[in-house]
Amino acid sequence: MQLNVNARSYEVDIEPETPLLWVLREVIGLTGTKYGCGIAQCGACTVHLDGEPVRSCSLPLAAVAGRRIVTIEGLSSDSSHPVQKAWAALDVPQCGYCQSGQIMAAAALLSKKPRPTDGDIDEAMTNICRCGTYQRVRAAIHMAAGTGKGGGSVIHMAEMAGAETSAVAGNRSTEV
């Protein structure tokens, strides 16, 4: 089977019912996409399929033939995607395990809704973060979108999109 992953062509000889996640990680060697639950609930395995966010742990290889797959490694070659920059600026990850899936879901959201509302973010971001960094995820999405709502993280704030961030002791604002 021929796969288009991160704008590269791969020829794989794998059973068609094999989940895409395992082909990406074990056959192609792209380990940025993580295994979380195996039942398409947590979102750690989120990749883009023709621009749409999908959970690769339960997506059979047969369903992706001839389609364009983008993993976290293909989002940008140097972490320069606006979502990746915002994630770094606001220190979104704690353990970091789910973050590649979170970033992929956020990038897909911004490609459809360049200036999302909090409601848009809540609706699109169904990935689970066991560390509970949801406020920082929302703030980073707003920062990447340039909505001027990138501040409000419990730990960090940004005065405006793209601005340098500084730690704010005692900031307990939940408004993002």
C-alpha atoms as a PDB file:
ATOM      1  CA  MET A   1       0.000   0.000   0.000  1.00  0.00           C
ATOM      2  CA  GLN A   2       1.176   3.506  -0.852  1.00  0.00           C
ATOM      3  CA  LEU A   3       0.989   6.148   1.913  1.00  0.00           C
ATOM      4  CA  ASN A   4       1.503   9.904   1.704  1.00  0.00           C
ATOM      5  CA  VAL A   5       2.851  10.967   5.106  1.00  0.00           C
ATOM      6  CA  ASN A   6       4.210  14.466   5.674  1.00  0.00           C
ATOM      7  CA  ALA A   7       4.472  14.976   1.899  1.00  0.00           C
ATOM      8  CA  ARG A   8       6.624  11.848   1.500  1.00  0.00           C
ATOM      9  CA  SER A   9       5.599   8.648  -0.191  1.00  0.00           C
ATOM     10  CA  TYR A  10       5.956   5.359   1.696  1.00  0.00           C
ATOM     11  CA  GLU A  11       5.339   1.861   0.377  1.00  0.00           C
ATOM     12  CA  VAL A  12       4.180  -0.424   3.188  1.00  0.00           C
ATOM     13  CA  ASP A  13       3.290  -4.103   3.155  1.00  0.00           C
ATOM     14  CA  ILE A  14       1.033  -4.306   6.202  1.00  0.00           C
ATOM     15  CA  GLU A  15      -2.335  -5.895   6.909  1.00  0.00           C
ATOM     16  CA  PRO A  16      -5.066  -3.409   5.874  1.00  0.00           C
ATOM     17  CA  GLU A  17      -6.783  -3.594   9.281  1.00  0.00           C
ATOM     18  CA  THR A  18      -3.625  -2.468  11.119  1.00  0.00           C
ATOM     19  CA  PRO A  19      -4.249   0.852  12.889  1.00  0.00           C
ATOM     20  CA  LEU A  20      -2.514   3.805  11.243  1.00  0.00           C
ATOM     21  CA  LEU A  21      -0.835   4.695  14.550  1.00  0.00           C
ATOM     22  CA  TRP A  22       1.246   1.525  14.537  1.00  0.00           C
ATOM     23  CA  VAL A  23       2.270   1.974  10.919  1.00  0.00           C
ATOM     24  CA  LEU A  24       3.405   5.536  11.658  1.00  0.00           C
ATOM     25  CA  ARG A  25       5.330   4.571  14.800  1.00  0.00           C
ATOM     26  CA  GLU A  26       6.625   1.064  14.112  1.00  0.00           C
ATOM     27  CA  VAL A  27       6.992   0.888  10.339  1.00  0.00           C
ATOM     28  CA  ILE A  28       7.748   4.460   9.265  1.00  0.00           C
ATOM     29  CA  GLY A  29       9.454   5.463  12.534  1.00  0.00           C
ATOM     30  CA  LEU A  30       7.509   8.659  13.279  1.00  0.00           C
ATOM     31  CA  THR A  31       7.127   8.399  17.053  1.00  0.00           C
ATOM     32  CA  GLY A  32       5.741  11.872  17.789  1.00  0.00           C
ATOM     33  CA  THR A  33       2.200  10.534  17.517  1.00  0.00           C
ATOM     34  CA  LYS A  34       1.454   8.795  20.806  1.00  0.00           C
ATOM     35  CA  TYR A  35      -0.591   5.810  21.915  1.00  0.00           C
ATOM     36  CA  GLY A  36      -2.969   6.731  24.701  1.00  0.00           C
ATOM     37  CA  CYS A  37      -6.135   4.698  25.010  1.00  0.00           C
ATOM     38  CA  GLY A  38      -6.445   2.610  21.849  1.00  0.00           C
ATOM     39  CA  ILE A  39     -10.170   3.386  21.515  1.00  0.00           C
ATOM     40  CA  ALA A  40     -10.078   6.847  19.888  1.00  0.00           C
ATOM     41  CA  GLN A  41     -11.129   8.668  23.048  1.00  0.00           C
ATOM     42  CA  CYS A  42      -8.078  10.486  24.438  1.00  0.00           C
ATOM     43  CA  GLY A  43      -6.657  12.074  21.268  1.00  0.00           C
ATOM     44  CA  ALA A  44      -2.955  11.473  21.978  1.00  0.00           C
ATOM     45  CA  CYS A  45      -2.796   9.797  18.555  1.00  0.00           C
ATOM     46  CA  THR A  46      -4.352  12.702  16.607  1.00  0.00           C
ATOM     47  CA  VAL A  47      -3.010  13.276  13.086  1.00  0.00           C
ATOM     48  CA  HIS A  48      -4.444  15.098  10.081  1.00  0.00           C
ATOM     49  CA  LEU A  49      -6.037  13.116   7.287  1.00  0.00           C
ATOM     50  CA  ASP A  50      -6.660  15.386   4.295  1.00  0.00           C
ATOM     51  CA  GLY A  51      -6.590  18.294   6.756  1.00  0.00           C
ATOM     52  CA  GLU A  52      -9.067  16.787   9.231  1.00  0.00           C
ATOM     53  CA  PRO A  53      -8.034  15.701  12.723  1.00  0.00           C
ATOM     54  CA  VAL A  54      -8.444  11.942  13.192  1.00  0.00           C
ATOM     55  CA  ARG A  55      -7.569   9.464  15.904  1.00  0.00           C
ATOM     56  CA  SER A  56      -4.991   7.165  14.329  1.00  0.00           C
ATOM     57  CA  CYS A  57      -5.176   4.410  16.978  1.00  0.00           C
ATOM     58  CA  SER A  58      -8.452   3.091  15.609  1.00  0.00           C
ATOM     59  CA  LEU A  59      -8.174   4.112  11.963  1.00  0.00           C
ATOM     60  CA  PRO A  60      -7.379   1.100   9.779  1.00  0.00           C
ATOM     61  CA  LEU A  61      -4.654   1.451   7.207  1.00  0.00           C
ATOM     62  CA  ALA A  62      -7.138   0.566   4.461  1.00  0.00           C
ATOM     63  CA  ALA A  63      -9.017   3.818   5.188  1.00  0.00           C
ATOM     64  CA  VAL A  64      -6.025   6.067   4.494  1.00  0.00           C
ATOM     65  CA  ALA A  65      -4.684   4.786   1.180  1.00  0.00           C
ATOM     66  CA  GLY A  66      -4.262   7.627  -1.298  1.00  0.00           C
ATOM     67  CA  ARG A  67      -4.995  10.286   1.303  1.00  0.00           C
ATOM     68  CA  ARG A  68      -2.710  12.962   2.730  1.00  0.00           C
ATOM     69  CA  ILE A  69      -1.520  12.220   6.282  1.00  0.00           C
ATOM     70  CA  VAL A  70       0.264  14.821   8.416  1.00  0.00           C
ATOM     71  CA  THR A  71       1.808  13.965  11.780  1.00  0.00           C
ATOM     72  CA  ILE A  72       3.296  16.284  14.398  1.00  0.00           C
ATOM     73  CA  GLU A  73       6.653  15.860  12.649  1.00  0.00           C
ATOM     74  CA  GLY A  74       5.118  17.207   9.435  1.00  0.00           C
ATOM     75  CA  LEU A  75       3.362  20.211  10.957  1.00  0.00           C
ATOM     76  CA  SER A  76       6.587  22.199  10.579  1.00  0.00           C
ATOM     77  CA  SER A  77      10.201  21.192  10.156  1.00  0.00           C
ATOM     78  CA  ASP A  78      11.464  23.571  12.855  1.00  0.00           C
ATOM     79  CA  SER A  79       8.554  24.002  15.302  1.00  0.00           C
ATOM     80  CA  SER A  80       7.671  27.310  13.670  1.00  0.00           C
ATOM     81  CA  HIS A  81       3.948  26.625  13.257  1.00  0.00           C
ATOM     82  CA  PRO A  82       2.010  29.314  15.196  1.00  0.00           C
ATOM     83  CA  VAL A  83       0.441  26.670  17.447  1.00  0.00           C
ATOM     84  CA  GLN A  84       3.824  25.183  18.306  1.00  0.00           C
ATOM     85  CA  LYS A  85       5.223  28.637  19.040  1.00  0.00           C
ATOM     86  CA  ALA A  86       2.278  29.490  21.295  1.00  0.00           C
ATOM     87  CA  TRP A  87       2.588  26.140  23.102  1.00  0.00           C
ATOM     88  CA  ALA A  88       6.228  26.916  23.873  1.00  0.00           C
ATOM     89  CA  ALA A  89       5.582  30.545  24.814  1.00  0.00           C
ATOM     90  CA  LEU A  90       2.905  29.595  27.357  1.00  0.00           C
ATOM     91  CA  ASP A  91       4.571  26.419  28.647  1.00  0.00           C
ATOM     92  CA  VAL A  92       1.438  24.433  27.854  1.00  0.00           C
ATOM     93  CA  PRO A  93       2.749  20.916  28.525  1.00  0.00           C
ATOM     94  CA  GLN A  94       3.285  19.450  31.940  1.00  0.00           C
ATOM     95  CA  CYS A  95       4.100  15.798  31.319  1.00  0.00           C
ATOM     96  CA  GLY A  96       3.762  16.494  27.596  1.00  0.00           C
ATOM     97  CA  TYR A  97       2.521  13.072  26.582  1.00  0.00           C
ATOM     98  CA  CYS A  98      -0.749  14.208  25.000  1.00  0.00           C
ATOM     99  CA  GLN A  99       0.593  17.428  23.560  1.00  0.00           C
ATOM    100  CA  SER A 100       1.370  16.294  20.012  1.00  0.00           C
ATOM    101  CA  GLY A 101      -2.279  15.266  19.680  1.00  0.00           C
ATOM    102  CA  GLN A 102      -3.425  18.507  21.305  1.00  0.00           C
ATOM    103  CA  ILE A 103      -1.288  20.548  18.903  1.00  0.00           C
ATOM    104  CA  MET A 104      -2.601  18.660  15.885  1.00  0.00           C
ATOM    105  CA  ALA A 105      -6.210  19.189  17.004  1.00  0.00           C
ATOM    106  CA  ALA A 106      -5.538  22.903  17.606  1.00  0.00           C
ATOM    107  CA  ALA A 107      -3.846  23.338  14.217  1.00  0.00           C
ATOM    108  CA  ALA A 108      -6.828  21.708  12.496  1.00  0.00           C
ATOM    109  CA  LEU A 109      -9.201  24.010  14.373  1.00  0.00           C
ATOM    110  CA  LEU A 110      -7.269  27.122  13.339  1.00  0.00           C
ATOM    111  CA  SER A 111      -7.159  26.020   9.707  1.00  0.00           C
ATOM    112  CA  LYS A 112     -10.991  26.025   9.716  1.00  0.00           C
ATOM    113  CA  LYS A 113     -11.625  28.877  12.154  1.00  0.00           C
ATOM    114  CA  PRO A 114      -8.654  31.246  12.170  1.00  0.00           C
ATOM    115  CA  ARG A 115     -10.149  33.321  15.025  1.00  0.00           C
ATOM    116  CA  PRO A 116     -12.017  30.830  17.195  1.00  0.00           C
ATOM    117  CA  THR A 117     -14.197  31.718  20.140  1.00  0.00           C
ATOM    118  CA  ASP A 118     -13.925  29.931  23.469  1.00  0.00           C
ATOM    119  CA  GLY A 119     -16.963  27.906  22.396  1.00  0.00           C
ATOM    120  CA  ASP A 120     -15.257  26.893  19.142  1.00  0.00           C
ATOM    121  CA  ILE A 121     -12.217  25.782  21.112  1.00  0.00           C
ATOM    122  CA  ASP A 122     -14.294  23.822  23.613  1.00  0.00           C
ATOM    123  CA  GLU A 123     -16.140  22.080  20.788  1.00  0.00           C
ATOM    124  CA  ALA A 124     -13.025  21.193  18.779  1.00  0.00           C
ATOM    125  CA  MET A 125     -10.613  20.306  21.565  1.00  0.00           C
ATOM    126  CA  THR A 126     -11.907  16.946  22.736  1.00  0.00           C
ATOM    127  CA  ASN A 127      -8.460  15.567  23.532  1.00  0.00           C
ATOM    128  CA  ILE A 128      -7.848  14.497  27.122  1.00  0.00           C
ATOM    129  CA  CYS A 129      -4.962  15.888  29.175  1.00  0.00           C
ATOM    130  CA  ARG A 130      -4.516  14.068  32.455  1.00  0.00           C
ATOM    131  CA  CYS A 131      -2.349  16.934  33.747  1.00  0.00           C
ATOM    132  CA  GLY A 132      -5.266  19.329  33.208  1.00  0.00           C
ATOM    133  CA  THR A 133      -3.543  22.005  31.106  1.00  0.00           C
ATOM    134  CA  TYR A 134      -6.804  23.010  29.451  1.00  0.00           C
ATOM    135  CA  GLN A 135      -6.549  26.701  30.390  1.00  0.00           C
ATOM    136  CA  ARG A 136      -3.096  26.907  28.849  1.00  0.00           C
ATOM    137  CA  VAL A 137      -4.280  25.002  25.772  1.00  0.00           C
ATOM    138  CA  ARG A 138      -7.072  27.540  25.273  1.00  0.00           C
ATOM    139  CA  ALA A 139      -4.720  30.492  25.873  1.00  0.00           C
ATOM    140  CA  ALA A 140      -2.200  29.085  23.385  1.00  0.00           C
ATOM    141  CA  ILE A 141      -4.874  28.618  20.731  1.00  0.00           C
ATOM    142  CA  HIS A 142      -5.951  32.229  21.192  1.00  0.00           C
ATOM    143  CA  MET A 143      -2.309  33.340  21.038  1.00  0.00           C
ATOM    144  CA  ALA A 144      -1.723  31.393  17.816  1.00  0.00           C
ATOM    145  CA  ALA A 145      -4.900  32.904  16.374  1.00  0.00           C
ATOM    146  CA  GLY A 146      -3.880  36.411  17.371  1.00  0.00           C
ATOM    147  CA  THR A 147      -7.186  37.054  19.105  1.00  0.00           C
ATOM    148  CA  GLY A 148      -5.523  39.029  21.895  1.00  0.00           C
ATOM    149  CA  LYS A 149      -6.798  36.493  24.423  1.00  0.00           C
ATOM    150  CA  GLY A 150      -3.521  34.599  24.824  1.00  0.00           C
ATOM    151  CA  GLY A 151      -3.116  35.568  28.450  1.00  0.00           C
ATOM    152  CA  GLY A 152      -4.875  34.089  31.406  1.00  0.00           C
ATOM    153  CA  SER A 153      -2.820  30.972  31.869  1.00  0.00           C
ATOM    154  CA  VAL A 154      -2.512  30.129  35.537  1.00  0.00           C
ATOM    155  CA  ILE A 155       1.266  30.182  35.265  1.00  0.00           C
ATOM    156  CA  HIS A 156       2.057  32.443  32.326  1.00  0.00           C
ATOM    157  CA  MET A 157       0.484  35.355  30.538  1.00  0.00           C
ATOM    158  CA  ALA A 158       1.162  37.054  27.261  1.00  0.00           C
ATOM    159  CA  GLU A 159       0.418  40.737  26.859  1.00  0.00           C
ATOM    160  CA  MET A 160      -0.393  40.246  23.195  1.00  0.00           C
ATOM    161  CA  ALA A 161      -0.064  37.565  20.536  1.00  0.00           C
ATOM    162  CA  GLY A 162       3.567  36.950  19.735  1.00  0.00           C
ATOM    163  CA  ALA A 163       4.785  38.944  22.744  1.00  0.00           C
ATOM    164  CA  GLU A 164       7.403  37.585  25.088  1.00  0.00           C
ATOM    165  CA  THR A 165       5.800  35.987  28.117  1.00  0.00           C
ATOM    166  CA  SER A 166       6.747  36.425  31.725  1.00  0.00           C
ATOM    167  CA  ALA A 167       5.822  34.471  34.805  1.00  0.00           C
ATOM    168  CA  VAL A 168       3.168  36.161  36.868  1.00  0.00           C
ATOM    169  CA  ALA A 169       3.309  35.154  40.528  1.00  0.00           C
ATOM    170  CA  GLY A 170      -0.070  34.515  42.005  1.00  0.00           C
ATOM    171  CA  ASN A 171      -2.071  34.933  38.783  1.00  0.00           C
ATOM    172  CA  ARG A 172      -5.207  32.902  39.309  1.00  0.00           C
ATOM    173  CA  SER A 173      -7.260  34.326  36.465  1.00  0.00           C
ATOM    174  CA  THR A 174      -9.311  31.747  34.632  1.00  0.00           C
ATOM    175  CA  GLU A 175     -10.479  34.124  31.930  1.00  0.00           C
ATOM    176  CA  VAL A 176      -8.822  33.394  28.618  1.00  0.00           C
END
